[in-house]
mmCIF file of all heavy atoms, coordinates in Angstrom:
data_MODEL
# 
_entry.id   MODEL 
# 
loop_
_atom_site.group_PDB 
_atom_site.id 
_atom_site.type_symbol 
_atom_site.label_atom_id 
_atom_site.label_alt_id 
_atom_site.label_comp_id 
_atom_site.label_asym_id 
_atom_site.label_entity_id 
_atom_site.label_seq_id 
_atom_site.pdbx_PDB_ins_code 
_atom_site.Cartn_x 
_atom_site.Cartn_y 
_atom_site.Cartn_z 
_atom_site.occupancy 
_atom_site.B_iso_or_equiv 
_atom_site.pdbx_formal_charge 
_atom_site.auth_seq_id 
_atom_site.auth_comp_id 
_atom_site.auth_asym_id 
_atom_site.auth_atom_id 
_atom_site.pdbx_PDB_model_num 
ATOM 1   N N   . ALA A 1 1  ? 85.042  103.437 101.108 1.00 0.00 ? 1  ALA A N   1 
ATOM 2   C CA  . ALA A 1 1  ? 85.909  103.617 99.913  1.00 0.00 ? 1  ALA A CA  1 
ATOM 3   C C   . ALA A 1 1  ? 85.440  102.728 98.807  1.00 0.00 ? 1  ALA A C   1 
ATOM 4   O O   . ALA A 1 1  ? 85.388  103.104 97.616  1.00 0.00 ? 1  ALA A O   1 
ATOM 5   C CB  . ALA A 1 1  ? 87.346  103.359 100.263 1.00 0.00 ? 1  ALA A CB  1 
ATOM 6   N N   . ALA A 1 2  ? 85.092  101.452 99.138  1.00 0.00 ? 2  ALA A N   1 
ATOM 7   C CA  . ALA A 1 2  ? 84.611  100.532 98.155  1.00 0.00 ? 2  ALA A CA  1 
ATOM 8   C C   . ALA A 1 2  ? 83.343  101.038 97.497  1.00 0.00 ? 2  ALA A C   1 
ATOM 9   O O   . ALA A 1 2  ? 83.121  100.901 96.288  1.00 0.00 ? 2  ALA A O   1 
ATOM 10  C CB  . ALA A 1 2  ? 84.390  99.178  98.759  1.00 0.00 ? 2  ALA A CB  1 
ATOM 11  N N   . LYS A 1 3  ? 82.442  101.644 98.272  1.00 0.00 ? 3  LYS A N   1 
ATOM 12  C CA  . LYS A 1 3  ? 81.193  102.132 97.718  1.00 0.00 ? 3  LYS A CA  1 
ATOM 13  C C   . LYS A 1 3  ? 81.384  103.277 96.714  1.00 0.00 ? 3  LYS A C   1 
ATOM 14  O O   . LYS A 1 3  ? 80.795  103.281 95.680  1.00 0.00 ? 3  LYS A O   1 
ATOM 15  C CB  . LYS A 1 3  ? 80.278  102.590 98.862  1.00 0.00 ? 3  LYS A CB  1 
ATOM 16  C CG  . LYS A 1 3  ? 79.638  101.470 99.647  1.00 0.00 ? 3  LYS A CG  1 
ATOM 17  C CD  . LYS A 1 3  ? 78.699  102.002 100.733 1.00 0.00 ? 3  LYS A CD  1 
ATOM 18  C CE  . LYS A 1 3  ? 78.055  100.849 101.531 1.00 0.00 ? 3  LYS A CE  1 
ATOM 19  N NZ  . LYS A 1 3  ? 77.176  101.373 102.616 1.00 0.00 ? 3  LYS A NZ  1 
ATOM 20  N N   . VAL A 1 4  ? 82.247  104.220 97.095  1.00 0.00 ? 4  VAL A N   1 
ATOM 21  C CA  . VAL A 1 4  ? 82.450  105.359 96.169  1.00 0.00 ? 4  VAL A CA  1 
ATOM 22  C C   . VAL A 1 4  ? 83.211  104.943 94.917  1.00 0.00 ? 4  VAL A C   1 
ATOM 23  O O   . VAL A 1 4  ? 83.009  105.546 93.846  1.00 0.00 ? 4  VAL A O   1 
ATOM 24  C CB  . VAL A 1 4  ? 83.175  106.551 96.860  1.00 0.00 ? 4  VAL A CB  1 
ATOM 25  C CG1 . VAL A 1 4  ? 82.429  107.028 98.058  1.00 0.00 ? 4  VAL A CG1 1 
ATOM 26  C CG2 . VAL A 1 4  ? 84.623  106.163 97.265  1.00 0.00 ? 4  VAL A CG2 1 
ATOM 27  N N   . LEU A 1 5  ? 84.026  103.877 94.979  1.00 0.00 ? 5  LEU A N   1 
ATOM 28  C CA  . LEU A 1 5  ? 84.769  103.417 93.824  1.00 0.00 ? 5  LEU A CA  1 
ATOM 29  C C   . LEU A 1 5  ? 83.978  102.359 93.065  1.00 0.00 ? 5  LEU A C   1 
ATOM 30  O O   . LEU A 1 5  ? 84.446  101.915 91.976  1.00 0.00 ? 5  LEU A O   1 
ATOM 31  C CB  . LEU A 1 5  ? 86.107  102.827 94.257  1.00 0.00 ? 5  LEU A CB  1 
ATOM 32  C CG  . LEU A 1 5  ? 87.143  103.821 94.862  1.00 0.00 ? 5  LEU A CG  1 
ATOM 33  C CD1 . LEU A 1 5  ? 88.329  103.088 95.442  1.00 0.00 ? 5  LEU A CD1 1 
ATOM 34  C CD2 . LEU A 1 5  ? 87.550  104.830 93.793  1.00 0.00 ? 5  LEU A CD2 1 
ATOM 35  N N   . SER A 1 6  ? 82.857  101.937 93.609  1.00 0.00 ? 6  SER A N   1 
ATOM 36  C CA  . SER A 1 6  ? 82.018  100.882 92.971  1.00 0.00 ? 6  SER A CA  1 
ATOM 37  C C   . SER A 1 6  ? 82.794  99.561  92.752  1.00 0.00 ? 6  SER A C   1 
ATOM 38  O O   . SER A 1 6  ? 82.691  98.931  91.716  1.00 0.00 ? 6  SER A O   1 
ATOM 39  C CB  . SER A 1 6  ? 81.451  101.369 91.638  1.00 0.00 ? 6  SER A CB  1 
ATOM 40  O OG  . SER A 1 6  ? 80.626  102.539 91.857  1.00 0.00 ? 6  SER A OG  1 
ATOM 41  N N   . ILE A 1 7  ? 83.574  99.181  93.766  1.00 0.00 ? 7  ILE A N   1 
ATOM 42  C CA  . ILE A 1 7  ? 84.280  97.935  93.742  1.00 0.00 ? 7  ILE A CA  1 
ATOM 43  C C   . ILE A 1 7  ? 84.094  97.296  95.105  1.00 0.00 ? 7  ILE A C   1 
ATOM 44  O O   . ILE A 1 7  ? 83.457  97.854  95.991  1.00 0.00 ? 7  ILE A O   1 
ATOM 45  C CB  . ILE A 1 7  ? 85.801  98.102  93.473  1.00 0.00 ? 7  ILE A CB  1 
ATOM 46  C CG1 . ILE A 1 7  ? 86.439  99.015  94.504  1.00 0.00 ? 7  ILE A CG1 1 
ATOM 47  C CG2 . ILE A 1 7  ? 86.005  98.638  92.024  1.00 0.00 ? 7  ILE A CG2 1 
ATOM 48  C CD1 . ILE A 1 7  ? 87.951  99.168  94.301  1.00 0.00 ? 7  ILE A CD1 1 
ATOM 49  N N   . THR A 1 8  ? 84.567  96.078  95.285  1.00 0.00 ? 8  THR A N   1 
ATOM 50  C CA  . THR A 1 8  ? 84.411  95.371  96.568  1.00 0.00 ? 8  THR A CA  1 
ATOM 51  C C   . THR A 1 8  ? 85.485  95.814  97.545  1.00 0.00 ? 8  THR A C   1 
ATOM 52  O O   . THR A 1 8  ? 86.550  96.336  97.169  1.00 0.00 ? 8  THR A O   1 
ATOM 53  C CB  . THR A 1 8  ? 84.526  93.835  96.377  1.00 0.00 ? 8  THR A CB  1 
ATOM 54  O OG1 . THR A 1 8  ? 85.874  93.540  95.934  1.00 0.00 ? 8  THR A OG1 1 
ATOM 55  C CG2 . THR A 1 8  ? 83.515  93.347  95.331  1.00 0.00 ? 8  THR A CG2 1 
ATOM 56  N N   . GLN A 1 9  ? 85.241  95.585  98.852  1.00 0.00 ? 9  GLN A N   1 
ATOM 57  C CA  . GLN A 1 9  ? 86.219  95.846  99.833  1.00 0.00 ? 9  GLN A CA  1 
ATOM 58  C C   . GLN A 1 9  ? 87.472  95.030  99.605  1.00 0.00 ? 9  GLN A C   1 
ATOM 59  O O   . GLN A 1 9  ? 88.596  95.542  99.856  1.00 0.00 ? 9  GLN A O   1 
ATOM 60  C CB  . GLN A 1 9  ? 85.669  95.578  101.266 1.00 0.00 ? 9  GLN A CB  1 
ATOM 61  C CG  . GLN A 1 9  ? 84.584  96.504  101.730 1.00 0.00 ? 9  GLN A CG  1 
ATOM 62  C CD  . GLN A 1 9  ? 84.202  96.235  103.179 1.00 0.00 ? 9  GLN A CD  1 
ATOM 63  O OE1 . GLN A 1 9  ? 85.036  96.221  104.055 1.00 0.00 ? 9  GLN A OE1 1 
ATOM 64  N NE2 . GLN A 1 9  ? 82.928  95.963  103.385 1.00 0.00 ? 9  GLN A NE2 1 
ATOM 65  N N   . SER A 1 10 ? 87.306  93.806  99.180  1.00 0.00 ? 10 SER A N   1 
ATOM 66  C CA  . SER A 1 10 ? 88.457  92.968  98.871  1.00 0.00 ? 10 SER A CA  1 
ATOM 67  C C   . SER A 1 10 ? 89.356  93.571  97.805  1.00 0.00 ? 10 SER A C   1 
ATOM 68  O O   . SER A 1 10 ? 90.581  93.559  97.878  1.00 0.00 ? 10 SER A O   1 
ATOM 69  C CB  . SER A 1 10 ? 88.010  91.601  98.457  1.00 0.00 ? 10 SER A CB  1 
ATOM 70  O OG  . SER A 1 10 ? 89.058  90.767  98.078  1.00 0.00 ? 10 SER A OG  1 
ATOM 71  N N   . ALA A 1 11 ? 88.714  94.185  96.805  1.00 0.00 ? 11 ALA A N   1 
ATOM 72  C CA  . ALA A 1 11 ? 89.434  94.818  95.700  1.00 0.00 ? 11 ALA A CA  1 
ATOM 73  C C   . ALA A 1 11 ? 90.221  96.048  96.209  1.00 0.00 ? 11 ALA A C   1 
ATOM 74  O O   . ALA A 1 11 ? 91.363  96.314  95.783  1.00 0.00 ? 11 ALA A O   1 
ATOM 75  C CB  . ALA A 1 11 ? 88.537  95.186  94.589  1.00 0.00 ? 11 ALA A CB  1 
ATOM 76  N N   . VAL A 1 12 ? 89.577  96.797  97.100  1.00 0.00 ? 12 VAL A N   1 
ATOM 77  C CA  . VAL A 1 12 ? 90.265  97.965  97.731  1.00 0.00 ? 12 VAL A CA  1 
ATOM 78  C C   . VAL A 1 12 ? 91.510  97.522  98.472  1.00 0.00 ? 12 VAL A C   1 
ATOM 79  O O   . VAL A 1 12 ? 92.612  98.067  98.302  1.00 0.00 ? 12 VAL A O   1 
ATOM 80  C CB  . VAL A 1 12 ? 89.328  98.740  98.639  1.00 0.00 ? 12 VAL A CB  1 
ATOM 81  C CG1 . VAL A 1 12 ? 90.072  99.819  99.381  1.00 0.00 ? 12 VAL A CG1 1 
ATOM 82  C CG2 . VAL A 1 12 ? 88.170  99.351  97.854  1.00 0.00 ? 12 VAL A CG2 1 
ATOM 83  N N   . SER A 1 13 ? 91.352  96.458  99.274  1.00 0.00 ? 13 SER A N   1 
ATOM 84  C CA  . SER A 1 13 ? 92.490  95.961  100.076 1.00 0.00 ? 13 SER A CA  1 
ATOM 85  C C   . SER A 1 13 ? 93.602  95.436  99.145  1.00 0.00 ? 13 SER A C   1 
ATOM 86  O O   . SER A 1 13 ? 94.764  95.666  99.387  1.00 0.00 ? 13 SER A O   1 
ATOM 87  C CB  . SER A 1 13 ? 92.007  94.807  100.988 1.00 0.00 ? 13 SER A CB  1 
ATOM 88  O OG  . SER A 1 13 ? 91.077  95.297  101.923 1.00 0.00 ? 13 SER A OG  1 
ATOM 89  N N   . GLN A 1 14 ? 93.193  94.707  98.084  1.00 0.00 ? 14 GLN A N   1 
ATOM 90  C CA  . GLN A 1 14 ? 94.206  94.174  97.180  1.00 0.00 ? 14 GLN A CA  1 
ATOM 91  C C   . GLN A 1 14 ? 94.953  95.261  96.459  1.00 0.00 ? 14 GLN A C   1 
ATOM 92  O O   . GLN A 1 14 ? 96.198  95.166  96.318  1.00 0.00 ? 14 GLN A O   1 
ATOM 93  C CB  . GLN A 1 14 ? 93.465  93.266  96.161  1.00 0.00 ? 14 GLN A CB  1 
ATOM 94  C CG  . GLN A 1 14 ? 94.432  92.501  95.241  1.00 0.00 ? 14 GLN A CG  1 
ATOM 95  C CD  . GLN A 1 14 ? 93.684  91.567  94.314  1.00 0.00 ? 14 GLN A CD  1 
ATOM 96  O OE1 . GLN A 1 14 ? 92.497  91.670  94.088  1.00 0.00 ? 14 GLN A OE1 1 
ATOM 97  N NE2 . GLN A 1 14 ? 94.397  90.590  93.768  1.00 0.00 ? 14 GLN A NE2 1 
ATOM 98  N N   . ARG A 1 15 ? 94.266  96.310  96.028  1.00 0.00 ? 15 ARG A N   1 
ATOM 99  C CA  . ARG A 1 15 ? 94.946  97.424  95.302  1.00 0.00 ? 15 ARG A CA  1 
ATOM 100 C C   . ARG A 1 15 ? 95.857  98.192  96.261  1.00 0.00 ? 15 ARG A C   1 
ATOM 101 O O   . ARG A 1 15 ? 96.951  98.585  95.879  1.00 0.00 ? 15 ARG A O   1 
ATOM 102 C CB  . ARG A 1 15 ? 93.921  98.357  94.651  1.00 0.00 ? 15 ARG A CB  1 
ATOM 103 C CG  . ARG A 1 15 ? 93.139  97.710  93.526  1.00 0.00 ? 15 ARG A CG  1 
ATOM 104 C CD  . ARG A 1 15 ? 92.107  98.662  92.942  1.00 0.00 ? 15 ARG A CD  1 
ATOM 105 N NE  . ARG A 1 15 ? 91.275  98.007  91.947  1.00 0.00 ? 15 ARG A NE  1 
ATOM 106 C CZ  . ARG A 1 15 ? 90.312  98.580  91.252  1.00 0.00 ? 15 ARG A CZ  1 
ATOM 107 N NH1 . ARG A 1 15 ? 90.089  99.872  91.420  1.00 0.00 ? 15 ARG A NH1 1 
ATOM 108 N NH2 . ARG A 1 15 ? 89.638  97.928  90.366  1.00 0.00 ? 15 ARG A NH2 1 
ATOM 109 N N   . LEU A 1 16 ? 95.407  98.364  97.505  1.00 0.00 ? 16 LEU A N   1 
ATOM 110 C CA  . LEU A 1 16 ? 96.250  99.032  98.486  1.00 0.00 ? 16 LEU A CA  1 
ATOM 111 C C   . LEU A 1 16 ? 97.498  98.203  98.790  1.00 0.00 ? 16 LEU A C   1 
ATOM 112 O O   . LEU A 1 16 ? 98.622  98.767  98.835  1.00 0.00 ? 16 LEU A O   1 
ATOM 113 C CB  . LEU A 1 16 ? 95.490  99.279  99.761  1.00 0.00 ? 16 LEU A CB  1 
ATOM 114 C CG  . LEU A 1 16 ? 96.318  99.957  100.902 1.00 0.00 ? 16 LEU A CG  1 
ATOM 115 C CD1 . LEU A 1 16 ? 96.751  101.312 100.493 1.00 0.00 ? 16 LEU A CD1 1 
ATOM 116 C CD2 . LEU A 1 16 ? 95.468  100.004 102.183 1.00 0.00 ? 16 LEU A CD2 1 
ATOM 117 N N   . ARG A 1 17 ? 97.336  96.918  98.972  1.00 0.00 ? 17 ARG A N   1 
ATOM 118 C CA  . ARG A 1 17 ? 98.514  96.079  99.259  1.00 0.00 ? 17 ARG A CA  1 
ATOM 119 C C   . ARG A 1 17 ? 99.504  96.078  98.064  1.00 0.00 ? 17 ARG A C   1 
ATOM 120 O O   . ARG A 1 17 ? 100.734 96.119  98.230  1.00 0.00 ? 17 ARG A O   1 
ATOM 121 C CB  . ARG A 1 17 ? 98.066  94.626  99.501  1.00 0.00 ? 17 ARG A CB  1 
ATOM 122 C CG  . ARG A 1 17 ? 97.469  94.415  100.885 1.00 0.00 ? 17 ARG A CG  1 
ATOM 123 C CD  . ARG A 1 17 ? 97.411  92.928  101.224 1.00 0.00 ? 17 ARG A CD  1 
ATOM 124 N NE  . ARG A 1 17 ? 96.588  92.173  100.332 1.00 0.00 ? 17 ARG A NE  1 
ATOM 125 C CZ  . ARG A 1 17 ? 95.306  91.967  100.456 1.00 0.00 ? 17 ARG A CZ  1 
ATOM 126 N NH1 . ARG A 1 17 ? 94.658  92.458  101.546 1.00 0.00 ? 17 ARG A NH1 1 
ATOM 127 N NH2 . ARG A 1 17 ? 94.591  91.275  99.585  1.00 0.00 ? 17 ARG A NH2 1 
ATOM 128 N N   . SER A 1 18 ? 98.958  96.131  96.880  1.00 0.00 ? 18 SER A N   1 
ATOM 129 C CA  . SER A 1 18 ? 99.824  96.193  95.677  1.00 0.00 ? 18 SER A CA  1 
ATOM 130 C C   . SER A 1 18 ? 100.623 97.469  95.637  1.00 0.00 ? 18 SER A C   1 
ATOM 131 O O   . SER A 1 18 ? 101.813 97.465  95.344  1.00 0.00 ? 18 SER A O   1 
ATOM 132 C CB  . SER A 1 18 ? 98.966  96.060  94.410  1.00 0.00 ? 18 SER A CB  1 
ATOM 133 O OG  . SER A 1 18 ? 99.762  96.181  93.240  1.00 0.00 ? 18 SER A OG  1 
ATOM 134 N N   . LEU A 1 19 ? 99.970  98.560  95.986  1.00 0.00 ? 19 LEU A N   1 
ATOM 135 C CA  . LEU A 1 19 ? 100.640 99.870  96.027  1.00 0.00 ? 19 LEU A CA  1 
ATOM 136 C C   . LEU A 1 19 ? 101.693 99.918  97.121  1.00 0.00 ? 19 LEU A C   1 
ATOM 137 O O   . LEU A 1 19 ? 102.775 100.414 96.925  1.00 0.00 ? 19 LEU A O   1 
ATOM 138 C CB  . LEU A 1 19 ? 99.602  101.006 96.213  1.00 0.00 ? 19 LEU A CB  1 
ATOM 139 C CG  . LEU A 1 19 ? 100.118 102.444 96.138  1.00 0.00 ? 19 LEU A CG  1 
ATOM 140 C CD1 . LEU A 1 19 ? 100.706 102.709 94.730  1.00 0.00 ? 19 LEU A CD1 1 
ATOM 141 C CD2 . LEU A 1 19 ? 99.011  103.416 96.458  1.00 0.00 ? 19 LEU A CD2 1 
ATOM 142 N N   . GLU A 1 20 ? 101.346 99.348  98.296  1.00 0.00 ? 20 GLU A N   1 
ATOM 143 C CA  . GLU A 1 20 ? 102.295 99.290  99.402  1.00 0.00 ? 20 GLU A CA  1 
ATOM 144 C C   . GLU A 1 20 ? 103.517 98.448  99.020  1.00 0.00 ? 20 GLU A C   1 
ATOM 145 O O   . GLU A 1 20 ? 104.644 98.756  99.395  1.00 0.00 ? 20 GLU A O   1 
ATOM 146 C CB  . GLU A 1 20 ? 101.638 98.729  100.637 1.00 0.00 ? 20 GLU A CB  1 
ATOM 147 C CG  . GLU A 1 20 ? 100.641 99.742  101.296 1.00 0.00 ? 20 GLU A CG  1 
ATOM 148 C CD  . GLU A 1 20 ? 99.920  99.169  102.476 1.00 0.00 ? 20 GLU A CD  1 
ATOM 149 O OE1 . GLU A 1 20 ? 99.636  97.951  102.500 1.00 0.00 ? 20 GLU A OE1 1 
ATOM 150 O OE2 . GLU A 1 20 ? 99.620  99.953  103.419 1.00 0.00 ? 20 GLU A OE2 1 
ATOM 151 N N   . ALA A 1 21 ? 103.260 97.359  98.249  1.00 0.00 ? 21 ALA A N   1 
ATOM 152 C CA  . ALA A 1 21 ? 104.355 96.540  97.799  1.00 0.00 ? 21 ALA A CA  1 
ATOM 153 C C   . ALA A 1 21 ? 105.261 97.269  96.836  1.00 0.00 ? 21 ALA A C   1 
ATOM 154 O O   . ALA A 1 21 ? 106.508 97.112  96.849  1.00 0.00 ? 21 ALA A O   1 
ATOM 155 C CB  . ALA A 1 21 ? 103.797 95.237  97.140  1.00 0.00 ? 21 ALA A CB  1 
ATOM 156 N N   . GLN A 1 22 ? 104.640 98.128  95.978  1.00 0.00 ? 22 GLN A N   1 
ATOM 157 C CA  . GLN A 1 22 ? 105.454 98.909  95.021  1.00 0.00 ? 22 GLN A CA  1 
ATOM 158 C C   . GLN A 1 22 ? 106.411 99.833  95.759  1.00 0.00 ? 22 GLN A C   1 
ATOM 159 O O   . GLN A 1 22 ? 107.556 100.010 95.300  1.00 0.00 ? 22 GLN A O   1 
ATOM 160 C CB  . GLN A 1 22 ? 104.518 99.707  94.108  1.00 0.00 ? 22 GLN A CB  1 
ATOM 161 C CG  . GLN A 1 22 ? 103.950 98.943  92.967  1.00 0.00 ? 22 GLN A CG  1 
ATOM 162 C CD  . GLN A 1 22 ? 103.269 99.883  92.000  1.00 0.00 ? 22 GLN A CD  1 
ATOM 163 O OE1 . GLN A 1 22 ? 102.153 100.298 92.247  1.00 0.00 ? 22 GLN A OE1 1 
ATOM 164 N NE2 . GLN A 1 22 ? 103.914 100.170 90.870  1.00 0.00 ? 22 GLN A NE2 1 
ATOM 165 N N   . VAL A 1 23 ? 105.921 100.506 96.792  1.00 0.00 ? 23 VAL A N   1 
ATOM 166 C CA  . VAL A 1 23 ? 106.778 101.507 97.466  1.00 0.00 ? 23 VAL A CA  1 
ATOM 167 C C   . VAL A 1 23 ? 107.536 100.907 98.656  1.00 0.00 ? 23 VAL A C   1 
ATOM 168 O O   . VAL A 1 23 ? 108.416 101.536 99.220  1.00 0.00 ? 23 VAL A O   1 
ATOM 169 C CB  . VAL A 1 23 ? 105.933 102.677 97.965  1.00 0.00 ? 23 VAL A CB  1 
ATOM 170 C CG1 . VAL A 1 23 ? 105.270 103.398 96.776  1.00 0.00 ? 23 VAL A CG1 1 
ATOM 171 C CG2 . VAL A 1 23 ? 104.862 102.292 98.978  1.00 0.00 ? 23 VAL A CG2 1 
ATOM 172 N N   . GLY A 1 24 ? 107.189 99.679  99.047  1.00 0.00 ? 24 GLY A N   1 
ATOM 173 C CA  . GLY A 1 24 ? 107.903 99.026  100.091 1.00 0.00 ? 24 GLY A CA  1 
ATOM 174 C C   . GLY A 1 24 ? 107.650 99.562  101.474 1.00 0.00 ? 24 GLY A C   1 
ATOM 175 O O   . GLY A 1 24 ? 108.493 99.392  102.401 1.00 0.00 ? 24 GLY A O   1 
ATOM 176 N N   . GLN A 1 25 ? 106.518 100.243 101.650 1.00 0.00 ? 25 GLN A N   1 
ATOM 177 C CA  . GLN A 1 25 ? 106.195 100.847 102.951 1.00 0.00 ? 25 GLN A CA  1 
ATOM 178 C C   . GLN A 1 25 ? 104.698 100.791 103.202 1.00 0.00 ? 25 GLN A C   1 
ATOM 179 O O   . GLN A 1 25 ? 103.959 100.848 102.249 1.00 0.00 ? 25 GLN A O   1 
ATOM 180 C CB  . GLN A 1 25 ? 106.661 102.310 102.998 1.00 0.00 ? 25 GLN A CB  1 
ATOM 181 C CG  . GLN A 1 25 ? 108.116 102.522 102.822 1.00 0.00 ? 25 GLN A CG  1 
ATOM 182 C CD  . GLN A 1 25 ? 108.447 104.043 102.865 1.00 0.00 ? 25 GLN A CD  1 
ATOM 183 O OE1 . GLN A 1 25 ? 108.119 104.709 103.812 1.00 0.00 ? 25 GLN A OE1 1 
ATOM 184 N NE2 . GLN A 1 25 ? 109.138 104.529 101.868 1.00 0.00 ? 25 GLN A NE2 1 
ATOM 185 N N   . PRO A 1 26 ? 104.299 100.677 104.473 1.00 0.00 ? 26 PRO A N   1 
ATOM 186 C CA  . PRO A 1 26 ? 102.865 100.758 104.777 1.00 0.00 ? 26 PRO A CA  1 
ATOM 187 C C   . PRO A 1 26 ? 102.339 102.183 104.521 1.00 0.00 ? 26 PRO A C   1 
ATOM 188 O O   . PRO A 1 26 ? 103.042 103.150 104.773 1.00 0.00 ? 26 PRO A O   1 
ATOM 189 C CB  . PRO A 1 26 ? 102.754 100.368 106.266 1.00 0.00 ? 26 PRO A CB  1 
ATOM 190 C CG  . PRO A 1 26 ? 104.122 100.691 106.809 1.00 0.00 ? 26 PRO A CG  1 
ATOM 191 C CD  . PRO A 1 26 ? 105.087 100.429 105.684 1.00 0.00 ? 26 PRO A CD  1 
ATOM 192 N N   . LEU A 1 27 ? 101.175 102.252 103.968 1.00 0.00 ? 27 LEU A N   1 
ATOM 193 C CA  . LEU A 1 27 ? 100.602 103.581 103.608 1.00 0.00 ? 27 LEU A CA  1 
ATOM 194 C C   . LEU A 1 27 ? 99.375  103.910 104.488 1.00 0.00 ? 27 LEU A C   1 
ATOM 195 O O   . LEU A 1 27 ? 99.048  105.101 104.580 1.00 0.00 ? 27 LEU A O   1 
ATOM 196 C CB  . LEU A 1 27 ? 100.164 103.536 102.154 1.00 0.00 ? 27 LEU A CB  1 
ATOM 197 C CG  . LEU A 1 27 ? 101.272 103.284 101.144 1.00 0.00 ? 27 LEU A CG  1 
ATOM 198 C CD1 . LEU A 1 27 ? 100.701 103.183 99.720  1.00 0.00 ? 27 LEU A CD1 1 
ATOM 199 C CD2 . LEU A 1 27 ? 102.387 104.299 101.227 1.00 0.00 ? 27 LEU A CD2 1 
# 
């Protein structure tokens, strides 16, 4: 996922955690 988005794996994890925090549920 990081490769296709041209970002780091850490950035993918951070954005996912932020989205999960927004909805209050694991995705």
